[in-house]
Amino acid sequence: MHGPDPDCLYPFNGEPHTVFLKNAISRPNIFVGDYTYYHDDDGAAGFQDRCVRYHFEFLGDRLIIGRFTAIAMGAQFIMNGANHAMTGLSAYPFNIFGQGWDEGFDFATIDAGLRGDTTIGNDVWIGREATIMPGITIGDGAIVGTRAVVASDIPPYAIAVGNPARVIRRRFDNKTIDRLLAIAWWNWPAEQIGRHLDRIRGADIDALERAATSLPSAQGASQSPASPE
């Protein structure tokens, strides 16, 4: 049971509403892991243009999304290019209009507010029209509710809703979360995932842990494939 081809753009018989997202990305500062998908009734292949905002390569920030993450229609990733200088008395971006207004502008006033990479973990579910602000980290297994505005980090296996998004509960107790993070099934080879699919989508952590221990050591959890070299 190897499952679908992660290198297929349209995994639903060519239907354009859903893409395995890594295959729809051409920007060098976006990294997406295998099997992560985006759904959009208006054509999911347009993700990087419609959903990733103010992403300018010269700023150096990256959008990093792990494996097996589900992203619903209209999710927005706001990157550091949206930042305005806030070190002075006005936040108006005079410099971008030129015509003399750019003279004397100090880029350090922008740089002071940059928040770095935006990182979405593995097995994350991001609801419809959720907004992820710059520099946010969303941990493995987290769920972000519909139209939530995520302005601070979300820990692994937490459920966050609202504006600003707040964690309403953890999906599992801390011990179970630690065990799931150690298992990191999303990094297993596809053949092993297919073989143990009932354990992954089941509710028996002991059974999943036994499956993990049966893997060859060289095939166990490792660095997320979405992570840049």
C-alpha atoms as a PDB file:
ATOM      1  CA  MET A   1       0.000   0.000   0.000  1.00  0.00           C
ATOM      2  CA  HIS A   2       2.170   2.821  -1.294  1.00  0.00           C
ATOM      3  CA  GLY A   3      -0.745   5.264  -1.631  1.00  0.00           C
ATOM      4  CA  PRO A   4      -0.969   8.142  -4.125  1.00  0.00           C
ATOM      5  CA  ASP A   5       2.040   9.516  -5.952  1.00  0.00           C
ATOM      6  CA  PRO A   6       3.305  12.549  -3.979  1.00  0.00           C
ATOM      7  CA  ASP A   7       4.659  13.996  -7.220  1.00  0.00           C
ATOM      8  CA  CYS A   8       1.189  14.146  -8.774  1.00  0.00           C
ATOM      9  CA  LEU A   9      -0.198  17.686  -9.018  1.00  0.00           C
ATOM     10  CA  TYR A  10      -3.895  16.765  -9.028  1.00  0.00           C
ATOM     11  CA  PRO A  11      -4.441  13.651  -6.864  1.00  0.00           C
ATOM     12  CA  PHE A  12      -8.231  13.491  -7.434  1.00  0.00           C
ATOM     13  CA  ASN A  13      -8.300  12.146 -10.999  1.00  0.00           C
ATOM     14  CA  GLY A  14      -7.027  15.431 -12.399  1.00  0.00           C
ATOM     15  CA  GLU A  15      -9.674  17.577 -10.711  1.00  0.00           C
ATOM     16  CA  PRO A  16      -8.243  21.120 -10.252  1.00  0.00           C
ATOM     17  CA  HIS A  17      -9.866  21.737  -6.865  1.00  0.00           C
ATOM     18  CA  THR A  18      -7.096  19.964  -4.927  1.00  0.00           C
ATOM     19  CA  VAL A  19      -3.333  19.810  -5.384  1.00  0.00           C
ATOM     20  CA  PHE A  20      -0.470  18.100  -3.666  1.00  0.00           C
ATOM     21  CA  LEU A  21       0.950  21.489  -2.898  1.00  0.00           C
ATOM     22  CA  LYS A  22       4.685  20.996  -3.393  1.00  0.00           C
ATOM     23  CA  ASN A  23       4.011  20.395  -7.095  1.00  0.00           C
ATOM     24  CA  ALA A  24       2.313  23.792  -7.492  1.00  0.00           C
ATOM     25  CA  ILE A  25       5.196  25.787  -5.992  1.00  0.00           C
ATOM     26  CA  SER A  26       7.787  27.605  -8.072  1.00  0.00           C
ATOM     27  CA  ARG A  27       9.024  30.250  -5.636  1.00  0.00           C
ATOM     28  CA  PRO A  28      12.454  29.455  -4.167  1.00  0.00           C
ATOM     29  CA  ASN A  29      11.439  30.652  -0.695  1.00  0.00           C
ATOM     30  CA  ILE A  30       8.493  28.259  -0.223  1.00  0.00           C
ATOM     31  CA  PHE A  31       9.149  24.675   0.887  1.00  0.00           C
ATOM     32  CA  VAL A  32       6.378  22.061   1.148  1.00  0.00           C
ATOM     33  CA  GLY A  33       6.565  18.408   2.157  1.00  0.00           C
ATOM     34  CA  ASP A  34       5.039  15.364   0.484  1.00  0.00           C
ATOM     35  CA  TYR A  35       1.262  14.794   0.581  1.00  0.00           C
ATOM     36  CA  THR A  36       0.435  18.236   1.961  1.00  0.00           C
ATOM     37  CA  TYR A  37      -2.586  19.424   0.020  1.00  0.00           C
ATOM     38  CA  TYR A  38      -4.496  22.626  -0.668  1.00  0.00           C
ATOM     39  CA  HIS A  39      -8.161  22.700  -1.667  1.00  0.00           C
ATOM     40  CA  ASP A  40      -9.695  25.604  -3.571  1.00  0.00           C
ATOM     41  CA  ASP A  41     -12.800  25.495  -5.735  1.00  0.00           C
ATOM     42  CA  ASP A  42     -11.335  28.287  -7.864  1.00  0.00           C
ATOM     43  CA  GLY A  43      -8.251  26.247  -8.770  1.00  0.00           C
ATOM     44  CA  ALA A  44      -5.851  25.060  -6.117  1.00  0.00           C
ATOM     45  CA  ALA A  45      -2.749  25.428  -8.282  1.00  0.00           C
ATOM     46  CA  GLY A  46      -2.888  29.190  -7.724  1.00  0.00           C
ATOM     47  CA  PHE A  47      -1.948  28.843  -4.049  1.00  0.00           C
ATOM     48  CA  GLN A  48       1.321  30.752  -4.062  1.00  0.00           C
ATOM     49  CA  ASP A  49      -0.188  33.773  -5.821  1.00  0.00           C
ATOM     50  CA  ARG A  50      -3.514  33.916  -3.986  1.00  0.00           C
ATOM     51  CA  CYS A  51      -2.594  32.676  -0.536  1.00  0.00           C
ATOM     52  CA  VAL A  52       1.001  33.788   0.148  1.00  0.00           C
ATOM     53  CA  ARG A  53       1.030  37.557   0.535  1.00  0.00           C
ATOM     54  CA  TYR A  54       3.870  40.119   0.564  1.00  0.00           C
ATOM     55  CA  HIS A  55       6.538  37.461   0.080  1.00  0.00           C
ATOM     56  CA  PHE A  56       9.600  39.227  -1.282  1.00  0.00           C
ATOM     57  CA  GLU A  57      12.724  37.198  -1.886  1.00  0.00           C
ATOM     58  CA  PHE A  58      15.071  40.041  -0.890  1.00  0.00           C
ATOM     59  CA  LEU A  59      13.745  39.919   2.679  1.00  0.00           C
ATOM     60  CA  GLY A  60      14.914  36.322   3.040  1.00  0.00           C
ATOM     61  CA  ASP A  61      11.938  34.920   4.935  1.00  0.00           C
ATOM     62  CA  ARG A  62      10.690  31.466   4.007  1.00  0.00           C
ATOM     63  CA  LEU A  63       7.375  29.664   4.206  1.00  0.00           C
ATOM     64  CA  ILE A  64       8.050  26.104   5.330  1.00  0.00           C
ATOM     65  CA  ILE A  65       5.206  23.582   5.450  1.00  0.00           C
ATOM     66  CA  GLY A  66       5.649  19.975   6.556  1.00  0.00           C
ATOM     67  CA  ARG A  67       4.205  16.707   5.292  1.00  0.00           C
ATOM     68  CA  PHE A  68       0.575  15.518   5.425  1.00  0.00           C
ATOM     69  CA  THR A  69      -0.780  18.986   6.200  1.00  0.00           C
ATOM     70  CA  ALA A  70      -4.279  19.944   5.024  1.00  0.00           C
ATOM     71  CA  ILE A  71      -4.951  23.554   3.997  1.00  0.00           C
ATOM     72  CA  ALA A  72      -8.507  24.679   3.294  1.00  0.00           C
ATOM     73  CA  MET A  73      -9.697  27.180   0.716  1.00  0.00           C
ATOM     74  CA  GLY A  74      -8.804  30.815   1.245  1.00  0.00           C
ATOM     75  CA  ALA A  75      -6.113  30.360   3.899  1.00  0.00           C
ATOM     76  CA  GLN A  76      -3.749  33.347   3.907  1.00  0.00           C
ATOM     77  CA  PHE A  77      -0.075  33.383   4.818  1.00  0.00           C
ATOM     78  CA  ILE A  78       1.050  36.955   5.487  1.00  0.00           C
ATOM     79  CA  MET A  79       4.801  37.254   5.103  1.00  0.00           C
ATOM     80  CA  ASN A  80       7.295  39.819   6.354  1.00  0.00           C
ATOM     81  CA  GLY A  81       6.929  42.057   3.312  1.00  0.00           C
ATOM     82  CA  ALA A  82       3.667  43.302   4.828  1.00  0.00           C
ATOM     83  CA  ASN A  83       5.597  44.961   7.664  1.00  0.00           C
ATOM     84  CA  HIS A  84       5.623  48.751   8.089  1.00  0.00           C
ATOM     85  CA  ALA A  85       8.288  50.640  10.003  1.00  0.00           C
ATOM     86  CA  MET A  86       7.075  51.356  13.520  1.00  0.00           C
ATOM     87  CA  THR A  87      10.168  52.898  15.081  1.00  0.00           C
ATOM     88  CA  GLY A  88       9.043  56.458  14.390  1.00  0.00           C
ATOM     89  CA  LEU A  89       5.930  58.533  14.941  1.00  0.00           C
ATOM     90  CA  SER A  90       4.222  57.411  11.711  1.00  0.00           C
ATOM     91  CA  ALA A  91       3.772  53.925  10.279  1.00  0.00           C
ATOM     92  CA  TYR A  92       2.949  55.248   6.795  1.00  0.00           C
ATOM     93  CA  PRO A  93       5.283  53.734   4.133  1.00  0.00           C
ATOM     94  CA  PHE A  94       6.342  56.999   2.461  1.00  0.00           C
ATOM     95  CA  ASN A  95       9.416  55.406   0.874  1.00  0.00           C
ATOM     96  CA  ILE A  96       7.550  52.970  -1.356  1.00  0.00           C
ATOM     97  CA  PHE A  97       6.121  55.822  -3.450  1.00  0.00           C
ATOM     98  CA  GLY A  98       9.506  57.305  -4.340  1.00  0.00           C
ATOM     99  CA  GLN A  99       9.413  60.760  -5.964  1.00  0.00           C
ATOM    100  CA  GLY A 100      11.768  62.015  -3.276  1.00  0.00           C
ATOM    101  CA  TRP A 101       9.937  60.339  -0.377  1.00  0.00           C
ATOM    102  CA  ASP A 102      12.453  57.516  -0.443  1.00  0.00           C
ATOM    103  CA  GLU A 103      15.365  59.843   0.297  1.00  0.00           C
ATOM    104  CA  GLY A 104      16.817  59.335   3.741  1.00  0.00           C
ATOM    105  CA  PHE A 105      14.811  56.161   4.338  1.00  0.00           C
ATOM    106  CA  ASP A 106      16.634  53.739   6.652  1.00  0.00           C
ATOM    107  CA  PHE A 107      15.811  50.086   5.884  1.00  0.00           C
ATOM    108  CA  ALA A 108      16.813  49.217   9.439  1.00  0.00           C
ATOM    109  CA  THR A 109      13.472  50.653  10.552  1.00  0.00           C
ATOM    110  CA  ILE A 110      11.761  47.873   8.576  1.00  0.00           C
ATOM    111  CA  ASP A 111      14.301  45.222   9.503  1.00  0.00           C
ATOM    112  CA  ALA A 112      13.622  45.847  13.184  1.00  0.00           C
ATOM    113  CA  GLY A 113      10.124  44.424  12.783  1.00  0.00           C
ATOM    114  CA  LEU A 114      10.874  41.345  10.675  1.00  0.00           C
ATOM    115  CA  ARG A 115       9.914  38.081  12.353  1.00  0.00           C
ATOM    116  CA  GLY A 116      11.739  35.460  10.289  1.00  0.00           C
ATOM    117  CA  ASP A 117      10.403  32.287   8.719  1.00  0.00           C
ATOM    118  CA  THR A 118       6.835  31.043   8.939  1.00  0.00           C
ATOM    119  CA  THR A 119       6.873  27.339   9.794  1.00  0.00           C
ATOM    120  CA  ILE A 120       3.910  24.968   9.630  1.00  0.00           C
ATOM    121  CA  GLY A 121       4.491  21.484  10.996  1.00  0.00           C
ATOM    122  CA  ASN A 122       3.415  18.047   9.838  1.00  0.00           C
ATOM    123  CA  ASP A 123      -0.135  16.680  10.053  1.00  0.00           C
ATOM    124  CA  VAL A 124      -1.533  20.191  10.623  1.00  0.00           C
ATOM    125  CA  TRP A 125      -5.098  21.113   9.632  1.00  0.00           C
ATOM    126  CA  ILE A 126      -5.632  24.758   8.674  1.00  0.00           C
ATOM    127  CA  GLY A 127      -9.280  25.769   8.341  1.00  0.00           C
ATOM    128  CA  ARG A 128     -10.973  27.805   5.648  1.00  0.00           C
ATOM    129  CA  GLU A 129      -9.905  31.453   5.402  1.00  0.00           C
ATOM    130  CA  ALA A 130      -7.544  31.231   8.359  1.00  0.00           C
ATOM    131  CA  THR A 131      -4.809  33.887   8.404  1.00  0.00           C
ATOM    132  CA  ILE A 132      -1.264  33.109   9.508  1.00  0.00           C
ATOM    133  CA  MET A 133       0.783  36.179  10.407  1.00  0.00           C
ATOM    134  CA  PRO A 134       4.551  36.535   9.713  1.00  0.00           C
ATOM    135  CA  GLY A 135       7.106  34.509  11.620  1.00  0.00           C
ATOM    136  CA  ILE A 136       4.589  32.142  13.214  1.00  0.00           C
ATOM    137  CA  THR A 137       5.340  28.509  14.074  1.00  0.00           C
ATOM    138  CA  ILE A 138       2.481  26.019  14.140  1.00  0.00           C
ATOM    139  CA  GLY A 139       3.476  22.721  15.694  1.00  0.00           C
ATOM    140  CA  ASP A 140       2.924  19.197  14.406  1.00  0.00           C
ATOM    141  CA  GLY A 141      -0.628  17.898  14.696  1.00  0.00           C
ATOM    142  CA  ALA A 142      -2.179  21.294  15.443  1.00  0.00           C
ATOM    143  CA  ILE A 143      -5.608  22.409  14.185  1.00  0.00           C
ATOM    144  CA  VAL A 144      -6.357  26.022  13.219  1.00  0.00           C
ATOM    145  CA  GLY A 145     -10.039  26.928  13.073  1.00  0.00           C
ATOM    146  CA  THR A 146     -11.934  28.584  10.244  1.00  0.00           C
ATOM    147  CA  ARG A 147     -11.126  32.309   9.922  1.00  0.00           C
ATOM    148  CA  ALA A 148      -8.745  32.205  12.853  1.00  0.00           C
ATOM    149  CA  VAL A 149      -6.025  34.882  12.850  1.00  0.00           C
ATOM    150  CA  VAL A 150      -2.825  33.289  14.124  1.00  0.00           C
ATOM    151  CA  ALA A 151      -0.587  35.994  15.556  1.00  0.00           C
ATOM    152  CA  SER A 152       1.417  33.863  18.008  1.00  0.00           C
ATOM    153  CA  ASP A 153       2.920  30.380  17.947  1.00  0.00           C
ATOM    154  CA  ILE A 154       0.624  27.356  18.266  1.00  0.00           C
ATOM    155  CA  PRO A 155       2.112  24.356  20.103  1.00  0.00           C
ATOM    156  CA  PRO A 156       1.942  20.790  18.758  1.00  0.00           C
ATOM    157  CA  TYR A 157      -1.439  19.089  18.851  1.00  0.00           C
ATOM    158  CA  ALA A 158      -3.237  22.228  20.009  1.00  0.00           C
ATOM    159  CA  ILE A 159      -6.576  23.495  18.683  1.00  0.00           C
ATOM    160  CA  ALA A 160      -6.617  27.263  18.112  1.00  0.00           C
ATOM    161  CA  VAL A 161      -9.606  29.399  17.109  1.00  0.00           C
ATOM    162  CA  GLY A 162     -10.659  33.038  17.003  1.00  0.00           C
ATOM    163  CA  ASN A 163      -9.160  36.464  16.312  1.00  0.00           C
ATOM    164  CA  PRO A 164      -6.563  36.598  17.640  1.00  0.00           C
ATOM    165  CA  ALA A 165      -6.333  32.819  17.706  1.00  0.00           C
ATOM    166  CA  ARG A 166      -6.107  31.276  21.132  1.00  0.00           C
ATOM    167  CA  VAL A 167      -5.563  27.679  22.149  1.00  0.00           C
ATOM    168  CA  ILE A 168      -8.813  26.248  23.480  1.00  0.00           C
ATOM    169  CA  ARG A 169      -7.423  22.817  24.282  1.00  0.00           C
ATOM    170  CA  ARG A 170      -4.774  20.250  23.452  1.00  0.00           C
ATOM    171  CA  ARG A 171      -5.858  17.249  21.430  1.00  0.00           C
ATOM    172  CA  PHE A 172      -4.126  14.830  23.780  1.00  0.00           C
ATOM    173  CA  ASP A 173      -2.437  14.849  27.164  1.00  0.00           C
ATOM    174  CA  ASN A 174       1.202  15.961  27.304  1.00  0.00           C
ATOM    175  CA  LYS A 175       2.573  12.428  27.607  1.00  0.00           C
ATOM    176  CA  THR A 176       0.710  11.255  24.521  1.00  0.00           C
ATOM    177  CA  ILE A 177       1.843  14.321  22.572  1.00  0.00           C
ATOM    178  CA  ASP A 178       5.463  13.622  23.479  1.00  0.00           C
ATOM    179  CA  ARG A 179       5.077  10.037  22.291  1.00  0.00           C
ATOM    180  CA  LEU A 180       3.498  11.121  19.001  1.00  0.00           C
ATOM    181  CA  LEU A 181       6.287  13.601  18.350  1.00  0.00           C
ATOM    182  CA  ALA A 182       8.855  10.882  19.033  1.00  0.00           C
ATOM    183  CA  ILE A 183       7.084   8.480  16.654  1.00  0.00           C
ATOM    184  CA  ALA A 184       6.858  11.142  13.895  1.00  0.00           C
ATOM    185  CA  TRP A 185       5.000   8.772  11.582  1.00  0.00           C
ATOM    186  CA  TRP A 186       4.909  11.451   8.857  1.00  0.00           C
ATOM    187  CA  ASN A 187       8.607  10.859   8.242  1.00  0.00           C
ATOM    188  CA  TRP A 188       8.176   7.131   7.631  1.00  0.00           C
ATOM    189  CA  PRO A 189       8.601   5.761   4.092  1.00  0.00           C
ATOM    190  CA  ALA A 190       5.327   5.636   2.166  1.00  0.00           C
ATOM    191  CA  GLU A 191       5.308   1.837   2.175  1.00  0.00           C
ATOM    192  CA  GLN A 192       5.506   1.759   5.978  1.00  0.00           C
ATOM    193  CA  ILE A 193       2.782   4.388   6.322  1.00  0.00           C
ATOM    194  CA  GLY A 194       0.484   2.333   4.094  1.00  0.00           C
ATOM    195  CA  ARG A 195       1.251  -0.842   6.021  1.00  0.00           C
ATOM    196  CA  HIS A 196       0.383   0.770   9.346  1.00  0.00           C
ATOM    197  CA  LEU A 197      -2.387   3.098   8.190  1.00  0.00           C
ATOM    198  CA  ASP A 198      -4.979   1.651  10.575  1.00  0.00           C
ATOM    199  CA  ARG A 199      -2.691   2.419  13.499  1.00  0.00           C
ATOM    200  CA  ILE A 200      -1.976   5.965  12.295  1.00  0.00           C
ATOM    201  CA  ARG A 201      -5.645   6.856  11.916  1.00  0.00           C
ATOM    202  CA  GLY A 202      -6.684   4.826  14.935  1.00  0.00           C
ATOM    203  CA  ALA A 203      -6.631   5.845  18.582  1.00  0.00           C
ATOM    204  CA  ASP A 204      -4.241   3.274  20.073  1.00  0.00           C
ATOM    205  CA  ILE A 205      -0.918   5.024  20.769  1.00  0.00           C
ATOM    206  CA  ASP A 206       0.595   1.768  22.060  1.00  0.00           C
ATOM    207  CA  ALA A 207      -0.088   0.033  18.750  1.00  0.00           C
ATOM    208  CA  LEU A 208       1.415   2.926  16.795  1.00  0.00           C
ATOM    209  CA  GLU A 209       4.463   2.889  19.037  1.00  0.00           C
ATOM    210  CA  ARG A 210       4.912  -0.837  18.392  1.00  0.00           C
ATOM    211  CA  ALA A 211       4.716  -0.174  14.677  1.00  0.00           C
ATOM    212  CA  ALA A 212       7.403   2.501  15.026  1.00  0.00           C
ATOM    213  CA  THR A 213       9.768   0.151  16.828  1.00  0.00           C
ATOM    214  CA  SER A 214       9.414  -2.374  13.996  1.00  0.00           C
ATOM    215  CA  LEU A 215      10.878   0.039  11.461  1.00  0.00           C
ATOM    216  CA  PRO A 216      14.527  -0.343  10.443  1.00  0.00           C
ATOM    217  CA  SER A 217      16.506   2.271  12.371  1.00  0.00           C
ATOM    218  CA  ALA A 218      17.636   3.929   9.155  1.00  0.00           C
ATOM    219  CA  GLN A 219      14.000   4.494   8.178  1.00  0.00           C
ATOM    220  CA  GLY A 220      12.740   5.988  11.399  1.00  0.00           C
ATOM    221  CA  ALA A 221      11.893   9.588  12.155  1.00  0.00           C
ATOM    222  CA  SER A 222      14.385  12.117  10.845  1.00  0.00           C
ATOM    223  CA  GLN A 223      14.582  15.693   9.652  1.00  0.00           C
ATOM    224  CA  SER A 224      11.344  16.801   8.009  1.00  0.00           C
ATOM    225  CA  PRO A 225      11.672  16.571   4.225  1.00  0.00           C
ATOM    226  CA  ALA A 226      10.094  20.018   3.979  1.00  0.00           C
ATOM    227  CA  SER A 227      13.035  21.566   5.751  1.00  0.00           C
ATOM    228  CA  PRO A 228      15.522  23.345   3.480  1.00  0.00           C
ATOM    229  CA  GLU A 229      19.027  21.952   3.326  1.00  0.00           C
END
